[in-house]
Amino acid sequence: MTYVIAQPCVDLKDLACVEECPVDCIYEGERMLYIHPDECVDCGACEPVCPVEAIFYEDDVPGEWKSYYTANVEFFDDLGSPGGAAKLGAIAKDHALIAALPPQEHEET
């Protein structure tokens, strides 16, 4: 099991979850963040710090965002398991599901 980042993160990328993650398994794509399913240790530290509540335990992803599980997994198909996001920095790509979305608007806080 793993945690999944869903639609509220698209075009926001707050990075609070990245700072909180003890195993450096949250990677930055062009428009959103992705949790590596094999590197995540299911600690849950990322979930409460997400300001838009975009992070869910795999079994708890709301129905309308179930496809984000696949997007998080498939994002790493060509990257494999790099062993930490800090080594790579921002990755100049997104999963096709995310890339196809229109720009997302977020309220200013």
PDB file of N, CA and C in Angstrom:
ATOM      1  N   MET A   1       0.838  -1.182   0.000  1.00  0.00           N
ATOM      2  CA  MET A   1       0.000   0.000   0.000  1.00  0.00           C
ATOM      3  C   MET A   1       0.883   1.245   0.000  1.00  0.00           C
ATOM      4  N   THR A   2       0.306   2.337  -0.455  1.00  0.00           N
ATOM      5  CA  THR A   2       1.046   3.584  -0.551  1.00  0.00           C
ATOM      6  C   THR A   2       0.084   4.759  -0.454  1.00  0.00           C
ATOM      7  N   TYR A   3       0.642   5.928  -0.365  1.00  0.00           N
ATOM      8  CA  TYR A   3      -0.143   7.152  -0.423  1.00  0.00           C
ATOM      9  C   TYR A   3      -0.165   7.644  -1.865  1.00  0.00           C
ATOM     10  N   VAL A   4      -1.215   8.411  -2.194  1.00  0.00           N
ATOM     11  CA  VAL A   4      -1.442   8.880  -3.555  1.00  0.00           C
ATOM     12  C   VAL A   4      -1.738  10.376  -3.499  1.00  0.00           C
ATOM     13  N   ILE A   5      -1.188  11.105  -4.452  1.00  0.00           N
ATOM     14  CA  ILE A   5      -1.500  12.526  -4.581  1.00  0.00           C
ATOM     15  C   ILE A   5      -2.514  12.674  -5.706  1.00  0.00           C
ATOM     16  N   ALA A   6      -3.579  13.446  -5.433  1.00  0.00           N
ATOM     17  CA  ALA A   6      -4.687  13.557  -6.385  1.00  0.00           C
ATOM     18  C   ALA A   6      -4.844  14.982  -6.930  1.00  0.00           C
ATOM     19  N   GLN A   7      -5.940  15.209  -7.612  1.00  0.00           N
ATOM     20  CA  GLN A   7      -6.215  16.420  -8.379  1.00  0.00           C
ATOM     21  C   GLN A   7      -5.985  17.747  -7.648  1.00  0.00           C
ATOM     22  N   PRO A   8      -6.291  17.888  -6.364  1.00  0.00           N
ATOM     23  CA  PRO A   8      -6.085  19.205  -5.751  1.00  0.00           C
ATOM     24  C   PRO A   8      -4.634  19.714  -5.809  1.00  0.00           C
ATOM     25  N   CYS A   9      -3.682  18.825  -6.050  1.00  0.00           N
ATOM     26  CA  CYS A   9      -2.275  19.229  -6.137  1.00  0.00           C
ATOM     27  C   CYS A   9      -1.907  19.804  -7.506  1.00  0.00           C
ATOM     28  N   VAL A  10      -2.698  19.488  -8.533  1.00  0.00           N
ATOM     29  CA  VAL A  10      -2.359  19.916  -9.895  1.00  0.00           C
ATOM     30  C   VAL A  10      -2.269  21.441  -9.950  1.00  0.00           C
ATOM     31  N   ASP A  11      -1.151  21.931 -10.451  1.00  0.00           N
ATOM     32  CA  ASP A  11      -0.841  23.352 -10.592  1.00  0.00           C
ATOM     33  C   ASP A  11      -0.694  24.080  -9.255  1.00  0.00           C
ATOM     34  N   LEU A  12      -0.507  23.348  -8.172  1.00  0.00           N
ATOM     35  CA  LEU A  12      -0.279  23.971  -6.869  1.00  0.00           C
ATOM     36  C   LEU A  12       1.123  23.662  -6.364  1.00  0.00           C
ATOM     37  N   LYS A  13       1.438  22.377  -6.196  1.00  0.00           N
ATOM     38  CA  LYS A  13       2.766  21.915  -5.756  1.00  0.00           C
ATOM     39  C   LYS A  13       3.287  22.706  -4.553  1.00  0.00           C
ATOM     40  N   ASP A  14       2.587  22.622  -3.447  1.00  0.00           N
ATOM     41  CA  ASP A  14       2.934  23.355  -2.234  1.00  0.00           C
ATOM     42  C   ASP A  14       4.291  22.963  -1.645  1.00  0.00           C
ATOM     43  N   LEU A  15       4.707  21.728  -1.745  1.00  0.00           N
ATOM     44  CA  LEU A  15       5.982  21.167  -1.273  1.00  0.00           C
ATOM     45  C   LEU A  15       6.072  20.951   0.234  1.00  0.00           C
ATOM     46  N   ALA A  16       5.039  21.277   1.006  1.00  0.00           N
ATOM     47  CA  ALA A  16       5.068  20.999   2.443  1.00  0.00           C
ATOM     48  C   ALA A  16       5.231  19.499   2.681  1.00  0.00           C
ATOM     49  N   CYS A  17       4.599  18.693   1.839  1.00  0.00           N
ATOM     50  CA  CYS A  17       4.690  17.239   1.980  1.00  0.00           C
ATOM     51  C   CYS A  17       6.113  16.753   1.699  1.00  0.00           C
ATOM     52  N   VAL A  18       6.776  17.376   0.742  1.00  0.00           N
ATOM     53  CA  VAL A  18       8.153  17.009   0.401  1.00  0.00           C
ATOM     54  C   VAL A  18       9.058  17.245   1.604  1.00  0.00           C
ATOM     55  N   GLU A  19       8.877  18.378   2.251  1.00  0.00           N
ATOM     56  CA  GLU A  19       9.689  18.719   3.423  1.00  0.00           C
ATOM     57  C   GLU A  19       9.431  17.768   4.585  1.00  0.00           C
ATOM     58  N   GLU A  20       8.220  17.255   4.685  1.00  0.00           N
ATOM     59  CA  GLU A  20       7.834  16.378   5.794  1.00  0.00           C
ATOM     60  C   GLU A  20       8.215  14.914   5.577  1.00  0.00           C
ATOM     61  N   CYS A  21       8.370  14.498   4.334  1.00  0.00           N
ATOM     62  CA  CYS A  21       8.605  13.088   4.007  1.00  0.00           C
ATOM     63  C   CYS A  21       9.984  12.620   4.508  1.00  0.00           C
ATOM     64  N   PRO A  22      10.015  11.622   5.399  1.00  0.00           N
ATOM     65  CA  PRO A  22      11.297  11.175   5.948  1.00  0.00           C
ATOM     66  C   PRO A  22      12.120  10.300   4.998  1.00  0.00           C
ATOM     67  N   VAL A  23      11.498   9.812   3.914  1.00  0.00           N
ATOM     68  CA  VAL A  23      12.229   8.929   2.991  1.00  0.00           C
ATOM     69  C   VAL A  23      12.419   9.540   1.601  1.00  0.00           C
ATOM     70  N   ASP A  24      12.056  10.795   1.411  1.00  0.00           N
ATOM     71  CA  ASP A  24      12.305  11.507   0.154  1.00  0.00           C
ATOM     72  C   ASP A  24      11.686  10.797  -1.040  1.00  0.00           C
ATOM     73  N   CYS A  25      10.406  10.370  -0.904  1.00  0.00           N
ATOM     74  CA  CYS A  25       9.755   9.617  -1.988  1.00  0.00           C
ATOM     75  C   CYS A  25       8.719  10.423  -2.748  1.00  0.00           C
ATOM     76  N   ILE A  26       8.667  11.739  -2.531  1.00  0.00           N
ATOM     77  CA  ILE A  26       7.710  12.584  -3.243  1.00  0.00           C
ATOM     78  C   ILE A  26       8.471  13.379  -4.295  1.00  0.00           C
ATOM     79  N   TYR A  27       8.155  13.095  -5.545  1.00  0.00           N
ATOM     80  CA  TYR A  27       8.867  13.658  -6.683  1.00  0.00           C
ATOM     81  C   TYR A  27       8.047  14.774  -7.320  1.00  0.00           C
ATOM     82  N   GLU A  28       8.741  15.762  -7.869  1.00  0.00           N
ATOM     83  CA  GLU A  28       8.082  16.915  -8.467  1.00  0.00           C
ATOM     84  C   GLU A  28       8.047  16.791  -9.985  1.00  0.00           C
ATOM     85  N   GLY A  29       6.833  16.706 -10.537  1.00  0.00           N
ATOM     86  CA  GLY A  29       6.650  16.766 -11.984  1.00  0.00           C
ATOM     87  C   GLY A  29       6.440  18.213 -12.390  1.00  0.00           C
ATOM     88  N   GLU A  30       6.075  18.441 -13.641  1.00  0.00           N
ATOM     89  CA  GLU A  30       5.867  19.811 -14.096  1.00  0.00           C
ATOM     90  C   GLU A  30       4.671  20.482 -13.444  1.00  0.00           C
ATOM     91  N   ARG A  31       3.559  19.728 -13.261  1.00  0.00           N
ATOM     92  CA  ARG A  31       2.328  20.343 -12.761  1.00  0.00           C
ATOM     93  C   ARG A  31       1.855  19.810 -11.422  1.00  0.00           C
ATOM     94  N   MET A  32       2.420  18.693 -10.964  1.00  0.00           N
ATOM     95  CA  MET A  32       2.012  18.169  -9.657  1.00  0.00           C
ATOM     96  C   MET A  32       3.105  17.300  -9.079  1.00  0.00           C
ATOM     97  N   LEU A  33       2.891  16.869  -7.853  1.00  0.00           N
ATOM     98  CA  LEU A  33       3.829  16.000  -7.151  1.00  0.00           C
ATOM     99  C   LEU A  33       3.329  14.559  -7.243  1.00  0.00           C
ATOM    100  N   TYR A  34       4.264  13.618  -7.160  1.00  0.00           N
ATOM    101  CA  TYR A  34       3.953  12.187  -7.271  1.00  0.00           C
ATOM    102  C   TYR A  34       4.668  11.426  -6.172  1.00  0.00           C
ATOM    103  N   ILE A  35       3.993  10.467  -5.558  1.00  0.00           N
ATOM    104  CA  ILE A  35       4.595   9.625  -4.528  1.00  0.00           C
ATOM    105  C   ILE A  35       5.028   8.309  -5.172  1.00  0.00           C
ATOM    106  N   HIS A  36       6.300   7.965  -5.000  1.00  0.00           N
ATOM    107  CA  HIS A  36       6.811   6.716  -5.567  1.00  0.00           C
ATOM    108  C   HIS A  36       6.249   5.548  -4.765  1.00  0.00           C
ATOM    109  N   PRO A  37       5.487   4.651  -5.404  1.00  0.00           N
ATOM    110  CA  PRO A  37       4.815   3.580  -4.662  1.00  0.00           C
ATOM    111  C   PRO A  37       5.753   2.566  -4.018  1.00  0.00           C
ATOM    112  N   ASP A  38       6.950   2.376  -4.569  1.00  0.00           N
ATOM    113  CA  ASP A  38       7.885   1.413  -3.988  1.00  0.00           C
ATOM    114  C   ASP A  38       8.793   2.030  -2.931  1.00  0.00           C
ATOM    115  N   GLU A  39       8.933   3.330  -2.937  1.00  0.00           N
ATOM    116  CA  GLU A  39       9.789   4.009  -1.966  1.00  0.00           C
ATOM    117  C   GLU A  39       9.016   4.500  -0.739  1.00  0.00           C
ATOM    118  N   CYS A  40       7.712   4.689  -0.885  1.00  0.00           N
ATOM    119  CA  CYS A  40       6.870   5.156   0.223  1.00  0.00           C
ATOM    120  C   CYS A  40       6.815   4.081   1.306  1.00  0.00           C
ATOM    121  N   VAL A  41       7.011   4.494   2.560  1.00  0.00           N
ATOM    122  CA  VAL A  41       6.979   3.546   3.676  1.00  0.00           C
ATOM    123  C   VAL A  41       5.665   3.635   4.448  1.00  0.00           C
ATOM    124  N   ASP A  42       4.685   4.303   3.875  1.00  0.00           N
ATOM    125  CA  ASP A  42       3.350   4.400   4.458  1.00  0.00           C
ATOM    126  C   ASP A  42       3.318   5.020   5.847  1.00  0.00           C
ATOM    127  N   CYS A  43       4.195   5.964   6.100  1.00  0.00           N
ATOM    128  CA  CYS A  43       4.229   6.586   7.423  1.00  0.00           C
ATOM    129  C   CYS A  43       3.102   7.589   7.625  1.00  0.00           C
ATOM    130  N   GLY A  44       2.612   8.180   6.533  1.00  0.00           N
ATOM    131  CA  GLY A  44       1.513   9.131   6.614  1.00  0.00           C
ATOM    132  C   GLY A  44       1.909  10.538   7.019  1.00  0.00           C
ATOM    133  N   ALA A  45       3.190  10.820   7.125  1.00  0.00           N
ATOM    134  CA  ALA A  45       3.627  12.158   7.554  1.00  0.00           C
ATOM    135  C   ALA A  45       3.210  13.244   6.569  1.00  0.00           C
ATOM    136  N   CYS A  46       3.089  12.899   5.308  1.00  0.00           N
ATOM    137  CA  CYS A  46       2.760  13.877   4.268  1.00  0.00           C
ATOM    138  C   CYS A  46       1.302  14.322   4.305  1.00  0.00           C
ATOM    139  N   GLU A  47       0.427  13.425   4.658  1.00  0.00           N
ATOM    140  CA  GLU A  47      -1.009  13.679   4.548  1.00  0.00           C
ATOM    141  C   GLU A  47      -1.495  14.886   5.352  1.00  0.00           C
ATOM    142  N   PRO A  48      -1.178  15.004   6.636  1.00  0.00           N
ATOM    143  CA  PRO A  48      -1.737  16.127   7.400  1.00  0.00           C
ATOM    144  C   PRO A  48      -1.150  17.493   7.055  1.00  0.00           C
ATOM    145  N   VAL A  49      -0.006  17.551   6.398  1.00  0.00           N
ATOM    146  CA  VAL A  49       0.596  18.850   6.088  1.00  0.00           C
ATOM    147  C   VAL A  49       0.165  19.393   4.729  1.00  0.00           C
ATOM    148  N   CYS A  50      -0.560  18.615   3.946  1.00  0.00           N
ATOM    149  CA  CYS A  50      -1.013  19.065   2.624  1.00  0.00           C
ATOM    150  C   CYS A  50      -2.103  20.126   2.809  1.00  0.00           C
ATOM    151  N   PRO A  51      -1.857  21.357   2.328  1.00  0.00           N
ATOM    152  CA  PRO A  51      -2.822  22.436   2.560  1.00  0.00           C
ATOM    153  C   PRO A  51      -4.127  22.291   1.775  1.00  0.00           C
ATOM    154  N   VAL A  52      -4.147  21.458   0.739  1.00  0.00           N
ATOM    155  CA  VAL A  52      -5.356  21.283  -0.066  1.00  0.00           C
ATOM    156  C   VAL A  52      -5.938  19.873   0.043  1.00  0.00           C
ATOM    157  N   GLU A  53      -5.442  19.098   0.977  1.00  0.00           N
ATOM    158  CA  GLU A  53      -5.931  17.739   1.219  1.00  0.00           C
ATOM    159  C   GLU A  53      -5.949  16.913  -0.062  1.00  0.00           C
ATOM    160  N   ALA A  54      -4.793  16.877  -0.732  1.00  0.00           N
ATOM    161  CA  ALA A  54      -4.655  16.139  -1.993  1.00  0.00           C
ATOM    162  C   ALA A  54      -4.058  14.759  -1.792  1.00  0.00           C
ATOM    163  N   ILE A  55      -3.628  14.418  -0.576  1.00  0.00           N
ATOM    164  CA  ILE A  55      -2.939  13.153  -0.331  1.00  0.00           C
ATOM    165  C   ILE A  55      -3.863  12.190   0.408  1.00  0.00           C
ATOM    166  N   PHE A  56      -3.952  10.977  -0.152  1.00  0.00           N
ATOM    167  CA  PHE A  56      -4.839   9.964   0.403  1.00  0.00           C
ATOM    168  C   PHE A  56      -4.119   8.634   0.495  1.00  0.00           C
ATOM    169  N   TYR A  57      -4.481   7.842   1.504  1.00  0.00           N
ATOM    170  CA  TYR A  57      -4.030   6.468   1.549  1.00  0.00           C
ATOM    171  C   TYR A  57      -4.670   5.766   0.359  1.00  0.00           C
ATOM    172  N   GLU A  58      -3.954   4.874  -0.267  1.00  0.00           N
ATOM    173  CA  GLU A  58      -4.399   4.215  -1.499  1.00  0.00           C
ATOM    174  C   GLU A  58      -5.853   3.754  -1.458  1.00  0.00           C
ATOM    175  N   ASP A  59      -6.272   3.139  -0.381  1.00  0.00           N
ATOM    176  CA  ASP A  59      -7.642   2.627  -0.270  1.00  0.00           C
ATOM    177  C   ASP A  59      -8.675   3.716  -0.013  1.00  0.00           C
ATOM    178  N   ASP A  60      -8.227   4.933   0.307  1.00  0.00           N
ATOM    179  CA  ASP A  60      -9.137   6.012   0.677  1.00  0.00           C
ATOM    180  C   ASP A  60      -9.267   7.099  -0.389  1.00  0.00           C
ATOM    181  N   VAL A  61      -8.689   6.891  -1.564  1.00  0.00           N
ATOM    182  CA  VAL A  61      -8.790   7.892  -2.624  1.00  0.00           C
ATOM    183  C   VAL A  61     -10.259   8.003  -3.041  1.00  0.00           C
ATOM    184  N   PRO A  62     -10.818   9.225  -3.047  1.00  0.00           N
ATOM    185  CA  PRO A  62     -12.217   9.386  -3.467  1.00  0.00           C
ATOM    186  C   PRO A  62     -12.437   8.856  -4.888  1.00  0.00           C
ATOM    187  N   GLY A  63     -13.619   8.355  -5.138  1.00  0.00           N
ATOM    188  CA  GLY A  63     -13.947   7.733  -6.414  1.00  0.00           C
ATOM    189  C   GLY A  63     -13.598   8.561  -7.635  1.00  0.00           C
ATOM    190  N   GLU A  64     -13.860   9.856  -7.576  1.00  0.00           N
ATOM    191  CA  GLU A  64     -13.604  10.700  -8.749  1.00  0.00           C
ATOM    192  C   GLU A  64     -12.108  10.859  -9.054  1.00  0.00           C
ATOM    193  N   TRP A  65     -11.259  10.461  -8.110  1.00  0.00           N
ATOM    194  CA  TRP A  65      -9.809  10.600  -8.290  1.00  0.00           C
ATOM    195  C   TRP A  65      -9.074   9.260  -8.289  1.00  0.00           C
ATOM    196  N   LYS A  66      -9.804   8.155  -8.420  1.00  0.00           N
ATOM    197  CA  LYS A  66      -9.163   6.829  -8.414  1.00  0.00           C
ATOM    198  C   LYS A  66      -8.082   6.702  -9.480  1.00  0.00           C
ATOM    199  N   SER A  67      -8.244   7.363 -10.616  1.00  0.00           N
ATOM    200  CA  SER A  67      -7.257   7.280 -11.695  1.00  0.00           C
ATOM    201  C   SER A  67      -5.911   7.903 -11.305  1.00  0.00           C
ATOM    202  N   TYR A  68      -5.884   8.686 -10.251  1.00  0.00           N
ATOM    203  CA  TYR A  68      -4.626   9.277  -9.801  1.00  0.00           C
ATOM    204  C   TYR A  68      -3.686   8.230  -9.198  1.00  0.00           C
ATOM    205  N   TYR A  69      -4.234   7.130  -8.709  1.00  0.00           N
ATOM    206  CA  TYR A  69      -3.366   6.039  -8.255  1.00  0.00           C
ATOM    207  C   TYR A  69      -2.522   5.556  -9.435  1.00  0.00           C
ATOM    208  N   THR A  70      -3.171   5.278 -10.550  1.00  0.00           N
ATOM    209  CA  THR A  70      -2.462   4.818 -11.749  1.00  0.00           C
ATOM    210  C   THR A  70      -1.475   5.874 -12.233  1.00  0.00           C
ATOM    211  N   ALA A  71      -1.882   7.133 -12.205  1.00  0.00           N
ATOM    212  CA  ALA A  71      -0.988   8.215 -12.636  1.00  0.00           C
ATOM    213  C   ALA A  71       0.264   8.264 -11.771  1.00  0.00           C
ATOM    214  N   ASN A  72       0.103   8.097 -10.444  1.00  0.00           N
ATOM    215  CA  ASN A  72       1.262   8.109  -9.552  1.00  0.00           C
ATOM    216  C   ASN A  72       2.192   6.941  -9.840  1.00  0.00           C
ATOM    217  N   VAL A  73       1.643   5.767 -10.083  1.00  0.00           N
ATOM    218  CA  VAL A  73       2.455   4.584 -10.365  1.00  0.00           C
ATOM    219  C   VAL A  73       3.143   4.706 -11.723  1.00  0.00           C
ATOM    220  N   GLU A  74       2.375   5.027 -12.754  1.00  0.00           N
ATOM    221  CA  GLU A  74       2.923   5.068 -14.111  1.00  0.00           C
ATOM    222  C   GLU A  74       3.900   6.217 -14.341  1.00  0.00           C
ATOM    223  N   PHE A  75       3.836   7.257 -13.527  1.00  0.00           N
ATOM    224  CA  PHE A  75       4.793   8.361 -13.639  1.00  0.00           C
ATOM    225  C   PHE A  75       6.224   7.843 -13.539  1.00  0.00           C
ATOM    226  N   PHE A  76       6.417   6.757 -12.792  1.00  0.00           N
ATOM    227  CA  PHE A  76       7.757   6.221 -12.547  1.00  0.00           C
ATOM    228  C   PHE A  76       8.148   5.096 -13.507  1.00  0.00           C
ATOM    229  N   ASP A  77       7.310   4.784 -14.487  1.00  0.00           N
ATOM    230  CA  ASP A  77       7.615   3.688 -15.411  1.00  0.00           C
ATOM    231  C   ASP A  77       8.992   3.828 -16.058  1.00  0.00           C
ATOM    232  N   ASP A  78       9.331   4.995 -16.532  1.00  0.00           N
ATOM    233  CA  ASP A  78      10.639   5.168 -17.186  1.00  0.00           C
ATOM    234  C   ASP A  78      11.724   5.657 -16.238  1.00  0.00           C
ATOM    235  N   LEU A  79      11.349   6.029 -15.021  1.00  0.00           N
ATOM    236  CA  LEU A  79      12.341   6.492 -14.038  1.00  0.00           C
ATOM    237  C   LEU A  79      12.856   5.360 -13.152  1.00  0.00           C
ATOM    238  N   GLY A  80      12.065   4.312 -13.030  1.00  0.00           N
ATOM    239  CA  GLY A  80      12.422   3.229 -12.120  1.00  0.00           C
ATOM    240  C   GLY A  80      12.312   3.703 -10.681  1.00  0.00           C
ATOM    241  N   SER A  81      13.244   3.279  -9.856  1.00  0.00           N
ATOM    242  CA  SER A  81      13.270   3.678  -8.453  1.00  0.00           C
ATOM    243  C   SER A  81      14.578   4.414  -8.186  1.00  0.00           C
ATOM    244  N   PRO A  82      14.574   5.736  -8.371  1.00  0.00           N
ATOM    245  CA  PRO A  82      15.808   6.512  -8.234  1.00  0.00           C
ATOM    246  C   PRO A  82      16.389   6.536  -6.818  1.00  0.00           C
ATOM    247  N   GLY A  83      15.586   6.189  -5.820  1.00  0.00           N
ATOM    248  CA  GLY A  83      16.095   6.161  -4.454  1.00  0.00           C
ATOM    249  C   GLY A  83      16.127   7.512  -3.774  1.00  0.00           C
ATOM    250  N   GLY A  84      15.258   8.396  -4.189  1.00  0.00           N
ATOM    251  CA  GLY A  84      15.146   9.688  -3.537  1.00  0.00           C
ATOM    252  C   GLY A  84      14.947  10.819  -4.524  1.00  0.00           C
ATOM    253  N   ALA A  85      13.971  11.658  -4.220  1.00  0.00           N
ATOM    254  CA  ALA A  85      13.616  12.756  -5.109  1.00  0.00           C
ATOM    255  C   ALA A  85      14.674  13.846  -5.150  1.00  0.00           C
ATOM    256  N   ALA A  86      15.377  14.071  -4.055  1.00  0.00           N
ATOM    257  CA  ALA A  86      16.353  15.158  -4.004  1.00  0.00           C
ATOM    258  C   ALA A  86      17.462  14.984  -5.040  1.00  0.00           C
ATOM    259  N   LYS A  87      17.767  13.745  -5.370  1.00  0.00           N
ATOM    260  CA  LYS A  87      18.806  13.469  -6.369  1.00  0.00           C
ATOM    261  C   LYS A  87      18.421  13.996  -7.747  1.00  0.00           C
ATOM    262  N   LEU A  88      17.123  13.974  -8.056  1.00  0.00           N
ATOM    263  CA  LEU A  88      16.649  14.322  -9.390  1.00  0.00           C
ATOM    264  C   LEU A  88      16.191  15.764  -9.537  1.00  0.00           C
ATOM    265  N   GLY A  89      15.680  16.348  -8.461  1.00  0.00           N
ATOM    266  CA  GLY A  89      15.087  17.669  -8.578  1.00  0.00           C
ATOM    267  C   GLY A  89      13.780  17.578  -9.366  1.00  0.00           C
ATOM    268  N   ALA A  90      13.330  18.696  -9.884  1.00  0.00           N
ATOM    269  CA  ALA A  90      12.087  18.717 -10.652  1.00  0.00           C
ATOM    270  C   ALA A  90      12.279  17.924 -11.947  1.00  0.00           C
ATOM    271  N   ILE A  91      11.257  17.151 -12.293  1.00  0.00           N
ATOM    272  CA  ILE A  91      11.290  16.308 -13.486  1.00  0.00           C
ATOM    273  C   ILE A  91      10.407  16.964 -14.545  1.00  0.00           C
ATOM    274  N   ALA A  92      10.940  17.149 -15.715  1.00  0.00           N
ATOM    275  CA  ALA A  92      10.258  17.896 -16.781  1.00  0.00           C
ATOM    276  C   ALA A  92       9.239  17.036 -17.519  1.00  0.00           C
ATOM    277  N   LYS A  93       8.282  16.489 -16.774  1.00  0.00           N
ATOM    278  CA  LYS A  93       7.203  15.714 -17.387  1.00  0.00           C
ATOM    279  C   LYS A  93       6.085  15.550 -16.375  1.00  0.00           C
ATOM    280  N   ASP A  94       4.952  15.092 -16.856  1.00  0.00           N
ATOM    281  CA  ASP A  94       3.822  14.703 -16.029  1.00  0.00           C
ATOM    282  C   ASP A  94       3.203  13.473 -16.663  1.00  0.00           C
ATOM    283  N   HIS A  95       2.405  12.767 -15.902  1.00  0.00           N
ATOM    284  CA  HIS A  95       1.633  11.664 -16.450  1.00  0.00           C
ATOM    285  C   HIS A  95       0.647  12.256 -17.454  1.00  0.00           C
ATOM    286  N   ALA A  96       0.280  11.505 -18.465  1.00  0.00           N
ATOM    287  CA  ALA A  96      -0.625  11.983 -19.514  1.00  0.00           C
ATOM    288  C   ALA A  96      -1.952  12.487 -18.951  1.00  0.00           C
ATOM    289  N   LEU A  97      -2.463  11.850 -17.900  1.00  0.00           N
ATOM    290  CA  LEU A  97      -3.712  12.294 -17.269  1.00  0.00           C
ATOM    291  C   LEU A  97      -3.583  13.737 -16.788  1.00  0.00           C
ATOM    292  N   ILE A  98      -2.460  14.047 -16.168  1.00  0.00           N
ATOM    293  CA  ILE A  98      -2.234  15.390 -15.616  1.00  0.00           C
ATOM    294  C   ILE A  98      -1.961  16.382 -16.740  1.00  0.00           C
ATOM    295  N   ALA A  99      -1.120  15.990 -17.685  1.00  0.00           N
ATOM    296  CA  ALA A  99      -0.761  16.876 -18.796  1.00  0.00           C
ATOM    297  C   ALA A  99      -1.994  17.295 -19.600  1.00  0.00           C
ATOM    298  N   ALA A 100      -3.001  16.443 -19.668  1.00  0.00           N
ATOM    299  CA  ALA A 100      -4.198  16.731 -20.456  1.00  0.00           C
ATOM    300  C   ALA A 100      -5.195  17.647 -19.750  1.00  0.00           C
ATOM    301  N   LEU A 101      -5.015  17.865 -18.467  1.00  0.00           N
ATOM    302  CA  LEU A 101      -5.962  18.701 -17.719  1.00  0.00           C
ATOM    303  C   LEU A 101      -5.815  20.171 -18.082  1.00  0.00           C
ATOM    304  N   PRO A 102      -6.923  20.907 -18.071  1.00  0.00           N
ATOM    305  CA  PRO A 102      -6.814  22.355 -18.255  1.00  0.00           C
ATOM    306  C   PRO A 102      -6.147  22.954 -17.005  1.00  0.00           C
ATOM    307  N   PRO A 103      -5.623  24.165 -17.102  1.00  0.00           N
ATOM    308  CA  PRO A 103      -5.008  24.780 -15.915  1.00  0.00           C
ATOM    309  C   PRO A 103      -5.991  24.815 -14.744  1.00  0.00           C
ATOM    310  N   GLN A 104      -5.486  24.483 -13.573  1.00  0.00           N
ATOM    311  CA  GLN A 104      -6.316  24.449 -12.366  1.00  0.00           C
ATOM    312  C   GLN A 104      -6.158  25.754 -11.614  1.00  0.00           C
ATOM    313  N   GLU A 105      -7.267  26.303 -11.176  1.00  0.00           N
ATOM    314  CA  GLU A 105      -7.206  27.533 -10.397  1.00  0.00           C
ATOM    315  C   GLU A 105      -7.294  27.193  -8.931  1.00  0.00           C
ATOM    316  N   HIS A 106      -6.512  27.928  -8.140  1.00  0.00           N
ATOM    317  CA  HIS A 106      -6.522  27.747  -6.688  1.00  0.00           C
ATOM    318  C   HIS A 106      -6.758  29.081  -6.027  1.00  0.00           C
ATOM    319  N   GLU A 107      -7.530  29.047  -4.956  1.00  0.00           N
ATOM    320  CA  GLU A 107      -7.789  30.277  -4.215  1.00  0.00           C
ATOM    321  C   GLU A 107      -6.528  30.744  -3.524  1.00  0.00           C
ATOM    322  N   GLU A 108      -6.329  32.042  -3.490  1.00  0.00           N
ATOM    323  CA  GLU A 108      -5.186  32.612  -2.775  1.00  0.00           C
ATOM    324  C   GLU A 108      -5.456  32.515  -1.284  1.00  0.00           C
ATOM    325  N   THR A 109      -4.428  32.122  -0.541  1.00  0.00           N
ATOM    326  CA  THR A 109      -4.600  32.020   0.914  1.00  0.00           C
ATOM    327  C   THR A 109      -3.907  33.134   1.624  1.00  0.00           C
TER     328      THR A 109
END
